[in-house]
C-alpha cells in the first residue's frame, strides 16, 4: 500500500509531504479579495518566484523570507484554506479522496498534470508584469477546474 493511502497528512515525513505536491503551481497564483464582500477570486497572475514554464519555485527554501505573504501549506492549514484547489493532492488526501489518476505518483509521469490541464504552465503572467489598476483584468475561473475522476 502506498504511503498516501496508509498515513494521514500529519503522519507523513517531510519527504512524503513534498512528494504529494503535483507541481501544478495553482497555489502560487495571486488571489484577489473583494474589499466589500471578502470574496476571494483566483487570477492568472503567478508569484514572482514561480517559473511559468516549469511551475517550480525559483527559491523554494527561502520563499517565505522573499515573499512576505507566501503561505506555507501544512497538514493543519491545508483543510482550513478555502482557496486551495479541489484538485490539490493535499486537499484530496485530507478529504479522504485519495490521489487523482493524473497525479505523478499514480500516473508515473510528471507531465500528466500539464496534459490534463491542471498545471498553470504557460497560462500565467508574472506579478512583476501587472501594473496597479490592472489586477481585476486577470481574474480567472480555470484555476478552480478539476479534471473528471476517470478518463
N, C-alpha and C. Protein backbone atom coordinates (compact mmCIF):
# COMPACT_ATOMS: atom_id res chain seq x y z
N UNK A 1 0.85 -1.18 0.00
CA UNK A 1 0.00 0.00 0.00
C UNK A 1 0.89 1.25 0.00
N UNK A 2 0.48 2.25 -0.74
CA UNK A 2 1.24 3.49 -0.87
C UNK A 2 1.12 4.32 0.41
N UNK A 3 2.17 5.11 0.68
CA UNK A 3 2.19 5.91 1.91
C UNK A 3 0.98 6.83 2.03
N UNK A 4 0.50 7.39 0.92
CA UNK A 4 -0.62 8.32 0.96
C UNK A 4 -1.95 7.62 1.26
N UNK A 5 -1.97 6.31 1.10
CA UNK A 5 -3.17 5.55 1.43
C UNK A 5 -3.17 5.04 2.87
N UNK A 6 -1.99 4.98 3.47
CA UNK A 6 -1.92 4.41 4.82
C UNK A 6 -1.59 5.42 5.92
N UNK A 7 -1.24 6.65 5.52
CA UNK A 7 -0.89 7.66 6.51
C UNK A 7 -1.79 8.88 6.37
N UNK A 8 -2.00 9.56 7.48
CA UNK A 8 -2.66 10.86 7.40
C UNK A 8 -1.58 11.89 7.03
N UNK A 9 -1.99 13.08 6.66
CA UNK A 9 -1.03 14.12 6.33
C UNK A 9 -0.09 14.40 7.50
N UNK A 10 -0.62 14.38 8.71
CA UNK A 10 0.18 14.65 9.91
C UNK A 10 1.24 13.56 10.12
N UNK A 11 0.95 12.34 9.75
CA UNK A 11 1.87 11.22 9.95
C UNK A 11 2.99 11.15 8.92
N UNK A 12 2.87 11.89 7.84
CA UNK A 12 3.86 11.82 6.76
C UNK A 12 5.16 12.50 7.12
N UNK A 13 6.25 11.94 6.60
CA UNK A 13 7.57 12.58 6.75
C UNK A 13 7.60 13.79 5.83
N UNK A 14 8.60 14.65 6.01
CA UNK A 14 8.70 15.80 5.11
C UNK A 14 8.90 15.38 3.67
N UNK A 15 9.65 14.32 3.43
CA UNK A 15 9.86 13.84 2.05
C UNK A 15 8.53 13.35 1.45
N UNK A 16 7.75 12.65 2.25
CA UNK A 16 6.45 12.18 1.75
C UNK A 16 5.52 13.36 1.49
N UNK A 17 5.51 14.31 2.40
CA UNK A 17 4.69 15.52 2.22
C UNK A 17 5.05 16.22 0.91
N UNK A 18 6.33 16.44 0.70
CA UNK A 18 6.78 17.13 -0.51
C UNK A 18 6.46 16.33 -1.77
N UNK A 19 6.53 15.00 -1.68
CA UNK A 19 6.23 14.14 -2.84
C UNK A 19 4.77 14.25 -3.26
N UNK A 20 3.90 14.63 -2.35
CA UNK A 20 2.48 14.77 -2.69
C UNK A 20 2.22 15.94 -3.64
N UNK A 21 3.07 16.93 -3.62
CA UNK A 21 2.86 18.08 -4.49
C UNK A 21 2.96 17.63 -5.95
N UNK A 22 1.91 17.91 -6.73
CA UNK A 22 1.92 17.51 -8.14
C UNK A 22 2.61 18.52 -9.03
N UNK A 23 3.01 19.67 -8.47
CA UNK A 23 3.73 20.68 -9.25
C UNK A 23 2.84 21.48 -10.18
N UNK A 24 1.55 21.58 -9.87
CA UNK A 24 0.64 22.31 -10.75
C UNK A 24 0.87 23.82 -10.71
N UNK A 25 1.29 24.35 -9.56
CA UNK A 25 1.53 25.78 -9.41
C UNK A 25 0.31 26.60 -9.05
N UNK A 26 -0.85 25.98 -8.92
CA UNK A 26 -2.07 26.72 -8.63
C UNK A 26 -2.02 27.46 -7.29
N UNK A 27 -1.35 26.89 -6.32
CA UNK A 27 -1.30 27.57 -5.02
C UNK A 27 -0.43 28.83 -5.08
N UNK A 28 0.35 28.98 -6.13
CA UNK A 28 1.22 30.15 -6.28
C UNK A 28 0.60 31.23 -7.15
N UNK A 29 -0.68 31.09 -7.46
CA UNK A 29 -1.39 32.14 -8.19
C UNK A 29 -1.90 33.17 -7.20
N UNK A 30 -1.87 34.42 -7.61
CA UNK A 30 -2.34 35.50 -6.76
C UNK A 30 -3.86 35.43 -6.64
N UNK A 31 -4.32 35.70 -5.44
CA UNK A 31 -5.75 35.76 -5.17
C UNK A 31 -6.12 37.22 -4.94
N UNK A 32 -7.30 37.58 -5.41
CA UNK A 32 -7.79 38.93 -5.23
C UNK A 32 -8.98 38.88 -4.29
N UNK A 33 -9.04 39.82 -3.36
CA UNK A 33 -10.15 39.85 -2.42
C UNK A 33 -11.01 41.08 -2.65
N UNK A 34 -12.30 40.86 -2.77
CA UNK A 34 -13.25 41.96 -2.88
C UNK A 34 -13.31 42.63 -1.51
N UNK A 35 -12.94 43.90 -1.45
CA UNK A 35 -12.88 44.61 -0.17
C UNK A 35 -14.24 44.75 0.49
N UNK A 36 -15.31 44.77 -0.31
CA UNK A 36 -16.66 44.93 0.23
C UNK A 36 -17.24 43.62 0.75
N UNK A 37 -17.03 42.54 0.00
CA UNK A 37 -17.68 41.26 0.36
C UNK A 37 -16.73 40.26 1.01
N UNK A 38 -15.42 40.45 0.84
CA UNK A 38 -14.45 39.50 1.36
C UNK A 38 -14.29 38.28 0.46
N UNK A 39 -15.00 38.25 -0.66
CA UNK A 39 -14.91 37.12 -1.58
C UNK A 39 -13.53 37.06 -2.22
N UNK A 40 -13.01 35.84 -2.35
CA UNK A 40 -11.68 35.63 -2.94
C UNK A 40 -11.83 35.16 -4.38
N UNK A 41 -11.04 35.77 -5.27
CA UNK A 41 -11.05 35.41 -6.68
C UNK A 41 -9.65 34.94 -7.08
N UNK A 42 -9.60 33.89 -7.89
CA UNK A 42 -8.33 33.44 -8.45
C UNK A 42 -7.94 34.33 -9.61
N UNK A 43 -6.67 34.38 -9.89
CA UNK A 43 -6.20 35.13 -11.05
C UNK A 43 -5.23 34.26 -11.84
N UNK A 44 -4.81 34.77 -12.99
CA UNK A 44 -3.80 34.09 -13.79
C UNK A 44 -2.42 34.72 -13.56
N UNK A 45 -2.29 35.45 -12.45
CA UNK A 45 -1.03 36.10 -12.09
C UNK A 45 -0.29 35.21 -11.10
N UNK A 46 0.94 34.88 -11.46
CA UNK A 46 1.73 34.00 -10.60
C UNK A 46 2.70 34.80 -9.74
N UNK A 47 3.06 34.20 -8.61
CA UNK A 47 4.08 34.76 -7.74
C UNK A 47 5.35 34.99 -8.55
N UNK A 48 6.04 36.03 -8.20
CA UNK A 48 7.28 36.36 -8.94
C UNK A 48 8.34 35.26 -8.85
N UNK A 49 8.25 34.40 -7.84
CA UNK A 49 9.22 33.31 -7.71
C UNK A 49 8.85 32.06 -8.50
N UNK A 50 7.62 31.98 -8.99
CA UNK A 50 7.20 30.79 -9.73
C UNK A 50 7.62 30.88 -11.18
N UNK A 51 8.34 29.89 -11.64
CA UNK A 51 8.74 29.82 -13.05
C UNK A 51 7.50 29.40 -13.85
N UNK A 52 7.08 30.21 -14.78
CA UNK A 52 5.88 29.94 -15.57
C UNK A 52 5.98 28.77 -16.51
N UNK A 53 7.19 28.33 -16.82
CA UNK A 53 7.38 27.20 -17.73
C UNK A 53 7.54 25.88 -16.99
N UNK A 54 8.19 25.91 -15.83
CA UNK A 54 8.43 24.66 -15.09
C UNK A 54 7.46 24.47 -13.93
N UNK A 55 6.77 25.53 -13.54
CA UNK A 55 5.85 25.51 -12.38
C UNK A 55 6.60 25.14 -11.10
N UNK A 56 7.81 25.57 -11.00
CA UNK A 56 8.62 25.36 -9.79
C UNK A 56 9.03 26.71 -9.22
N UNK A 57 9.12 26.75 -7.91
CA UNK A 57 9.56 27.95 -7.24
C UNK A 57 11.06 28.13 -7.47
N UNK A 58 11.45 29.33 -7.83
CA UNK A 58 12.86 29.58 -8.12
C UNK A 58 13.72 29.65 -6.86
N UNK A 59 13.07 29.78 -5.69
CA UNK A 59 13.82 29.79 -4.43
C UNK A 59 12.96 29.19 -3.32
N UNK A 60 12.58 27.94 -3.50
CA UNK A 60 11.67 27.26 -2.59
C UNK A 60 12.12 27.32 -1.12
N UNK A 61 13.40 27.04 -0.81
CA UNK A 61 13.82 27.07 0.60
C UNK A 61 13.66 28.43 1.27
N UNK A 62 13.79 29.51 0.49
CA UNK A 62 13.74 30.87 1.06
C UNK A 62 12.49 31.65 0.67
N UNK A 63 11.51 30.97 0.12
CA UNK A 63 10.34 31.65 -0.44
C UNK A 63 9.61 32.52 0.58
N UNK A 64 9.52 32.07 1.81
CA UNK A 64 8.76 32.84 2.79
C UNK A 64 9.49 34.10 3.24
N UNK A 65 10.80 34.10 3.18
CA UNK A 65 11.52 35.32 3.53
C UNK A 65 11.54 36.30 2.36
N UNK A 66 11.40 35.80 1.13
CA UNK A 66 11.41 36.67 -0.04
C UNK A 66 10.02 37.18 -0.43
N UNK A 67 8.99 36.41 -0.08
CA UNK A 67 7.61 36.79 -0.41
C UNK A 67 6.84 36.80 0.91
N UNK A 68 6.61 37.98 1.44
CA UNK A 68 6.07 38.08 2.80
C UNK A 68 4.71 37.42 2.99
N UNK A 69 3.89 37.36 1.94
CA UNK A 69 2.57 36.73 2.10
C UNK A 69 2.52 35.30 1.55
N UNK A 70 3.68 34.69 1.34
CA UNK A 70 3.72 33.28 0.92
C UNK A 70 3.22 32.43 2.08
N UNK A 71 2.27 31.58 1.79
CA UNK A 71 1.69 30.71 2.82
C UNK A 71 2.27 29.31 2.66
N UNK A 72 2.92 28.85 3.70
CA UNK A 72 3.45 27.50 3.70
C UNK A 72 2.31 26.55 4.04
N UNK A 73 2.03 25.62 3.14
CA UNK A 73 0.98 24.65 3.40
C UNK A 73 1.44 23.64 4.44
N UNK A 74 0.55 23.33 5.36
CA UNK A 74 0.83 22.36 6.42
C UNK A 74 -0.37 21.42 6.53
N UNK A 75 -0.19 20.28 7.19
CA UNK A 75 -1.35 19.39 7.39
C UNK A 75 -2.49 20.09 8.13
N UNK A 76 -2.17 21.06 8.95
CA UNK A 76 -3.19 21.77 9.71
C UNK A 76 -3.93 22.80 8.86
N UNK A 77 -3.20 23.60 8.08
CA UNK A 77 -3.87 24.69 7.37
C UNK A 77 -4.45 24.30 6.01
N UNK A 78 -4.02 23.18 5.46
CA UNK A 78 -4.49 22.81 4.12
C UNK A 78 -6.01 22.57 4.10
N UNK A 79 -6.58 22.19 5.21
CA UNK A 79 -8.03 21.97 5.27
C UNK A 79 -8.78 23.24 5.66
N UNK A 80 -8.07 24.24 6.12
CA UNK A 80 -8.70 25.48 6.56
C UNK A 80 -8.68 26.58 5.50
N UNK A 81 -7.80 26.46 4.53
CA UNK A 81 -7.66 27.49 3.49
C UNK A 81 -8.65 27.20 2.37
N UNK A 82 -9.64 28.07 2.25
CA UNK A 82 -10.72 27.86 1.28
C UNK A 82 -10.27 27.87 -0.18
N UNK A 83 -9.21 28.61 -0.49
CA UNK A 83 -8.82 28.74 -1.88
C UNK A 83 -7.93 27.61 -2.40
N UNK A 84 -7.58 26.66 -1.55
CA UNK A 84 -6.80 25.52 -2.04
C UNK A 84 -7.65 24.80 -3.09
N UNK A 85 -7.13 24.59 -4.29
CA UNK A 85 -7.94 23.96 -5.35
C UNK A 85 -8.41 22.56 -4.96
N UNK A 86 -9.59 22.19 -5.45
CA UNK A 86 -10.13 20.85 -5.20
C UNK A 86 -9.21 19.77 -5.75
N UNK A 87 -8.43 20.11 -6.76
CA UNK A 87 -7.52 19.16 -7.39
C UNK A 87 -6.25 18.92 -6.58
N UNK A 88 -5.97 19.76 -5.61
CA UNK A 88 -4.73 19.68 -4.83
C UNK A 88 -4.64 18.34 -4.09
N UNK A 89 -3.50 17.67 -4.23
CA UNK A 89 -3.30 16.38 -3.57
C UNK A 89 -3.44 16.48 -2.06
N UNK A 90 -2.94 17.54 -1.48
CA UNK A 90 -3.05 17.72 -0.03
C UNK A 90 -4.52 17.77 0.39
N UNK A 91 -5.29 18.55 -0.35
CA UNK A 91 -6.72 18.67 -0.04
C UNK A 91 -7.44 17.34 -0.28
N UNK A 92 -7.11 16.69 -1.40
CA UNK A 92 -7.76 15.41 -1.71
C UNK A 92 -7.49 14.37 -0.62
N UNK A 93 -6.24 14.29 -0.16
CA UNK A 93 -5.89 13.32 0.90
C UNK A 93 -6.62 13.70 2.20
N UNK A 94 -6.61 14.97 2.54
CA UNK A 94 -7.27 15.43 3.77
C UNK A 94 -8.77 15.13 3.74
N UNK A 95 -9.37 15.20 2.56
CA UNK A 95 -10.80 14.94 2.42
C UNK A 95 -11.12 13.46 2.20
N UNK A 96 -10.08 12.61 2.19
CA UNK A 96 -10.30 11.18 2.01
C UNK A 96 -10.59 10.75 0.59
N UNK A 97 -10.22 11.58 -0.40
CA UNK A 97 -10.49 11.27 -1.80
C UNK A 97 -9.33 10.58 -2.51
N UNK A 98 -8.18 10.46 -1.84
CA UNK A 98 -7.02 9.83 -2.48
C UNK A 98 -6.46 10.68 -3.61
N UNK A 99 -5.40 10.19 -4.22
CA UNK A 99 -4.78 10.92 -5.32
C UNK A 99 -5.56 10.69 -6.61
N UNK A 100 -5.57 11.71 -7.45
CA UNK A 100 -6.24 11.63 -8.75
C UNK A 100 -5.42 10.76 -9.71
N UNK A 101 -6.08 10.21 -10.71
CA UNK A 101 -5.43 9.33 -11.68
C UNK A 101 -4.30 10.02 -12.43
N UNK A 102 -4.36 11.34 -12.55
CA UNK A 102 -3.36 12.09 -13.29
C UNK A 102 -2.17 12.53 -12.42
N UNK A 103 -2.25 12.30 -11.12
CA UNK A 103 -1.16 12.70 -10.22
C UNK A 103 0.09 11.89 -10.59
N UNK A 104 1.27 12.53 -10.61
CA UNK A 104 2.50 11.82 -10.99
C UNK A 104 2.79 10.55 -10.17
N UNK A 105 2.40 10.52 -8.91
CA UNK A 105 2.64 9.32 -8.11
C UNK A 105 1.75 8.16 -8.57
N UNK A 106 0.66 8.46 -9.24
CA UNK A 106 -0.24 7.43 -9.77
C UNK A 106 0.09 7.14 -11.23
N UNK A 107 0.20 8.19 -12.03
CA UNK A 107 0.43 8.02 -13.48
C UNK A 107 1.86 7.61 -13.81
N UNK A 108 2.79 7.95 -12.90
CA UNK A 108 4.20 7.67 -13.18
C UNK A 108 4.85 8.68 -14.12
N UNK A 109 4.11 9.71 -14.46
CA UNK A 109 4.61 10.70 -15.43
C UNK A 109 4.31 12.11 -14.93
N UNK A 110 5.35 12.91 -14.63
CA UNK A 110 5.11 14.27 -14.15
C UNK A 110 4.42 15.18 -15.17
N UNK A 111 4.40 14.77 -16.43
CA UNK A 111 3.76 15.58 -17.47
C UNK A 111 2.25 15.42 -17.51
N UNK A 112 1.72 14.41 -16.83
CA UNK A 112 0.27 14.19 -16.84
C UNK A 112 -0.47 15.40 -16.29
N UNK A 113 0.10 16.05 -15.30
CA UNK A 113 -0.53 17.23 -14.69
C UNK A 113 -0.77 18.31 -15.74
N UNK A 114 0.19 18.53 -16.61
CA UNK A 114 0.04 19.52 -17.67
C UNK A 114 -0.88 18.99 -18.77
N UNK A 115 -0.75 17.73 -19.10
CA UNK A 115 -1.54 17.13 -20.19
C UNK A 115 -3.04 17.22 -19.93
N UNK A 116 -3.46 17.07 -18.68
CA UNK A 116 -4.89 17.12 -18.37
C UNK A 116 -5.39 18.54 -18.09
N UNK A 117 -4.49 19.51 -18.04
CA UNK A 117 -4.90 20.90 -17.86
C UNK A 117 -4.94 21.40 -16.43
N UNK A 118 -4.31 20.67 -15.51
CA UNK A 118 -4.28 21.11 -14.11
C UNK A 118 -3.15 22.11 -13.89
N UNK A 119 -2.07 21.95 -14.58
CA UNK A 119 -0.90 22.81 -14.42
C UNK A 119 -1.16 24.23 -14.90
N UNK A 120 -0.48 25.18 -14.28
CA UNK A 120 -0.57 26.57 -14.71
C UNK A 120 0.45 26.88 -15.80
N UNK A 121 1.22 25.88 -16.19
CA UNK A 121 2.29 26.07 -17.18
C UNK A 121 1.78 26.79 -18.43
N UNK A 122 2.46 27.90 -18.76
CA UNK A 122 2.15 28.64 -19.96
C UNK A 122 0.83 29.41 -19.93
N UNK A 123 0.19 29.50 -18.78
CA UNK A 123 -1.13 30.13 -18.70
C UNK A 123 -1.14 31.35 -17.78
N UNK A 124 0.03 31.80 -17.36
CA UNK A 124 0.08 32.85 -16.35
C UNK A 124 0.98 34.01 -16.78
N UNK A 125 0.90 35.04 -15.98
CA UNK A 125 1.76 36.21 -16.14
C UNK A 125 2.39 36.48 -14.77
N UNK A 126 3.63 36.90 -14.78
CA UNK A 126 4.31 37.19 -13.51
C UNK A 126 3.73 38.44 -12.87
N UNK A 127 3.67 38.43 -11.55
CA UNK A 127 3.15 39.60 -10.82
C UNK A 127 3.97 40.85 -11.13
N UNK A 128 5.22 40.69 -11.54
CA UNK A 128 6.07 41.84 -11.85
C UNK A 128 5.63 42.53 -13.14
N UNK A 129 4.79 41.87 -13.93
CA UNK A 129 4.33 42.42 -15.22
C UNK A 129 2.94 43.06 -15.13
N UNK A 130 2.30 42.97 -13.97
CA UNK A 130 0.95 43.52 -13.83
C UNK A 130 1.03 44.88 -13.13
N UNK A 131 0.49 45.88 -13.79
CA UNK A 131 0.53 47.24 -13.26
C UNK A 131 -0.62 47.47 -12.28
N UNK A 132 -0.43 48.38 -11.34
CA UNK A 132 -1.53 48.73 -10.43
C UNK A 132 -2.76 49.14 -11.25
N UNK A 133 -3.91 48.70 -10.82
CA UNK A 133 -5.14 49.01 -11.53
C UNK A 133 -5.52 47.99 -12.59
N UNK A 134 -4.60 47.07 -12.90
CA UNK A 134 -4.88 46.05 -13.92
C UNK A 134 -5.18 44.67 -13.32
N UNK A 135 -5.10 44.54 -12.01
CA UNK A 135 -5.26 43.23 -11.38
C UNK A 135 -6.62 42.61 -11.68
N UNK A 136 -7.67 43.41 -11.67
CA UNK A 136 -9.02 42.87 -11.92
C UNK A 136 -9.13 42.25 -13.30
N UNK A 137 -8.30 42.71 -14.24
CA UNK A 137 -8.32 42.15 -15.60
C UNK A 137 -7.79 40.72 -15.64
N UNK A 138 -7.22 40.27 -14.55
CA UNK A 138 -6.59 38.94 -14.52
C UNK A 138 -7.36 37.90 -13.70
N UNK A 139 -8.60 38.23 -13.31
CA UNK A 139 -9.42 37.24 -12.61
C UNK A 139 -9.66 36.08 -13.58
N UNK A 140 -9.53 34.86 -13.08
CA UNK A 140 -9.66 33.67 -13.94
C UNK A 140 -10.44 32.58 -13.22
N UNK A 141 -11.30 31.89 -13.97
CA UNK A 141 -12.06 30.77 -13.41
C UNK A 141 -11.32 29.45 -13.51
N UNK A 142 -10.44 29.29 -14.48
CA UNK A 142 -9.82 27.99 -14.72
C UNK A 142 -9.03 27.42 -13.55
N UNK A 143 -8.48 28.21 -12.63
CA UNK A 143 -7.76 27.58 -11.52
C UNK A 143 -8.66 26.74 -10.60
N UNK A 144 -9.97 26.88 -10.71
CA UNK A 144 -10.89 26.07 -9.91
C UNK A 144 -11.27 24.77 -10.61
N UNK A 145 -10.96 24.64 -11.88
CA UNK A 145 -11.36 23.48 -12.66
C UNK A 145 -10.64 22.22 -12.17
N UNK A 146 -11.37 21.14 -12.18
CA UNK A 146 -10.80 19.83 -11.79
C UNK A 146 -11.16 18.82 -12.86
N UNK A 147 -10.19 18.03 -13.32
CA UNK A 147 -10.49 17.01 -14.33
C UNK A 147 -11.47 15.97 -13.80
N UNK A 148 -12.13 15.26 -14.70
CA UNK A 148 -13.02 14.19 -14.26
C UNK A 148 -12.23 13.12 -13.47
N UNK A 149 -12.91 12.42 -12.60
CA UNK A 149 -12.25 11.39 -11.77
C UNK A 149 -11.64 10.29 -12.62
N UNK A 150 -12.22 10.01 -13.76
CA UNK A 150 -11.68 8.96 -14.63
C UNK A 150 -11.72 9.43 -16.07
N UNK A 151 -10.86 8.82 -16.89
CA UNK A 151 -10.88 9.18 -18.31
C UNK A 151 -11.74 8.22 -19.08
